[in-house]
Protein backbone atom coordinates (compact mmCIF):
# COMPACT_ATOMS: atom_id res chain seq x y z
CA MET A 1 69.68 33.37 67.37
CA HIS A 2 71.63 35.95 68.17
CA ASN A 3 72.89 36.28 71.94
CA TYR A 4 71.61 39.41 74.40
CA TRP A 5 75.04 40.77 74.62
CA LEU A 6 75.27 41.30 71.01
CA LYS A 7 71.97 42.69 70.83
CA GLU A 8 73.06 45.09 73.77
CA LYS A 9 76.37 45.89 72.42
CA ALA A 10 74.52 47.04 69.33
CA ARG A 11 71.81 48.94 70.71
CA ASN A 12 74.50 50.74 73.21
CA ILE A 13 76.44 51.10 69.96
CA TYR A 14 73.02 52.47 67.99
CA VAL A 15 71.68 55.12 70.45
CA GLU A 16 75.06 55.77 72.37
CA ASP A 17 77.35 56.12 70.39
CA GLY A 18 75.46 57.31 67.14
CA LEU A 19 76.35 54.94 64.81
CA SER A 20 74.46 53.86 61.79
CA LEU A 21 73.91 50.43 61.33
CA SER A 22 75.58 49.49 58.85
CA SER A 23 78.74 50.32 60.15
CA ILE A 24 77.47 48.10 63.36
CA GLU A 25 76.78 45.48 60.64
CA LYS A 26 81.03 45.71 59.99
CA LYS A 27 82.16 46.14 63.32
CA LEU A 28 80.03 43.14 65.23
CA GLY A 29 79.54 41.00 62.29
CA LEU A 30 75.77 41.23 62.56
CA SER A 31 72.80 41.14 59.41
CA ILE A 32 71.85 43.94 58.60
CA ASN A 33 68.51 42.47 58.66
CA THR A 34 68.76 41.73 62.11
CA LEU A 35 69.93 44.84 63.13
CA LYS A 36 66.62 46.66 61.19
CA ASP A 37 64.64 44.18 62.98
CA TRP A 38 66.05 45.30 66.68
CA CYS A 39 66.35 48.64 66.21
CA LYS A 40 62.20 48.76 64.97
CA GLU A 41 61.13 46.10 67.43
CA GLU A 42 63.02 48.14 70.36
CA LYS A 43 62.63 51.55 68.68
CA TRP A 44 66.13 52.50 69.32
CA MET A 45 65.83 55.88 66.76
CA GLU A 46 63.40 56.97 69.28
CA LYS A 47 66.13 56.27 71.98
CA ARG A 48 68.81 58.10 70.39
CA GLN A 49 66.47 60.89 69.66
CA ALA A 50 65.68 60.92 73.62
CA ARG A 51 69.37 60.71 73.96
CA ILE A 52 70.32 63.21 71.59
CA GLU A 53 67.25 65.85 73.22
CA ARG A 54 69.13 64.80 76.89
CA THR A 55 72.59 65.75 75.94
CA ILE A 56 71.27 68.96 74.06
CA SER A 57 69.12 70.19 77.52
CA LEU A 58 72.02 69.43 79.27
CA ARG A 59 74.46 71.84 77.11
CA GLU A 60 71.40 74.70 77.15
CA ARG A 61 71.75 74.28 80.92
CA LEU A 62 75.31 74.77 81.20
CA GLU A 63 75.73 77.15 79.31
CA ARG A 64 72.94 79.28 80.95
CA LEU A 65 74.68 78.76 84.64
CA LEU A 66 78.11 79.18 82.54
CA GLU A 67 76.54 82.68 81.89
CA ASN A 68 75.34 83.45 85.50
CA ALA A 69 79.27 82.61 86.51
CA ILE A 70 80.55 84.66 84.12
CA SER A 71 78.02 87.46 85.42
CA ASN A 72 78.60 86.25 89.18
CA ALA A 73 82.34 87.07 88.11
CA GLU A 74 82.95 90.20 86.08
CA SER A 75 80.42 92.04 89.27
CA ASN A 76 82.55 90.34 92.10
CA MET A 77 85.97 88.56 90.96
CA ASP A 78 84.73 85.93 93.93
CA PRO A 79 87.52 83.03 92.87
CA GLN A 80 84.66 80.20 93.45
CA ALA A 81 82.86 82.03 90.69
CA ILE A 82 85.63 82.18 88.88
CA PHE A 83 86.42 78.37 89.77
CA ALA A 84 82.79 77.59 88.87
CA ILE A 85 83.09 79.03 85.03
CA GLY A 86 86.12 76.42 84.86
CA LYS A 87 84.50 73.35 86.25
CA LEU A 88 81.13 74.11 83.73
CA VAL A 89 83.88 74.78 80.58
CA ALA A 90 84.99 71.49 81.30
CA ALA A 91 81.86 70.39 81.58
CA LEU A 92 80.43 71.72 78.54
CA ARG A 93 83.64 70.46 76.49
CA THR A 94 82.15 67.19 78.10
CA THR A 95 79.36 67.81 75.89
CA SER A 96 80.60 68.78 72.83
CA ASN A 97 82.58 66.01 72.15
CA ILE A 98 79.66 63.61 72.04
CA GLU A 99 79.38 62.90 68.09
CA PHE A 100 76.54 61.29 66.14
CA VAL A 101 77.23 59.70 62.60
CA ASP A 102 73.90 60.37 61.22
CA ASP A 103 74.59 63.57 59.36
CA ARG A 104 71.41 64.79 60.27
CA LEU A 105 71.45 64.48 63.74
CA LYS A 106 74.28 65.85 63.88
CA LYS A 107 73.05 69.06 61.99
CA GLU A 108 70.06 69.70 64.29
CA PHE A 109 72.48 69.25 67.25
CA GLU A 110 75.46 71.76 65.63
CA GLN A 111 72.06 74.04 65.08
CA LYS A 112 71.19 74.51 68.61
CA LYS A 113 74.70 74.59 70.26
CA LYS A 114 75.56 78.68 71.76
CA PHE A 115 78.58 77.78 72.29
CA THR A 116 81.02 76.62 69.82
CA LYS A 117 84.39 74.16 70.36
CA GLU A 118 86.39 77.50 69.51
CA LYS A 119 84.65 79.92 72.11
CA LEU A 120 85.33 77.58 74.80
CA ILE A 121 88.83 77.23 73.68
CA GLU A 122 89.32 80.97 74.27
CA LEU A 123 87.14 81.43 77.02
CA GLU A 124 89.56 78.17 79.17
CA LYS A 125 92.30 80.48 77.85
CA GLU A 126 91.56 83.45 78.93
CA LEU A 127 90.47 82.09 82.40
CA GLY A 128 93.90 80.28 82.43
CA VAL A 129 92.47 76.65 82.23
CA LEU A 130 94.38 75.20 79.55
């Protein structure tokens, strides 16, 4: 019988970090069948998908805020608006650093992004944030 801590650790690695069951098997030394059972019983796949959707939703909201902040800064050159842009860019970079091992989920995530990592770095350089 595996203890509660290992089960929670495996769930977090799968749902939050996006590692595959076979990677978790190697990392934690658990049997693949145990992991598959836990995954099915506790609906890890659904939880993982919900995490991806929350991340995408957050990213889309941050992108809208960034677009509004840029428009505001362009129209009145308000130092607070420019500062807000830097903070929003940093927040977007944080959402960009989330990686999912499952290629299909990662591909869907990348397709839904409007700002690429390269565009964010370019914007940071233009704003003098970097």
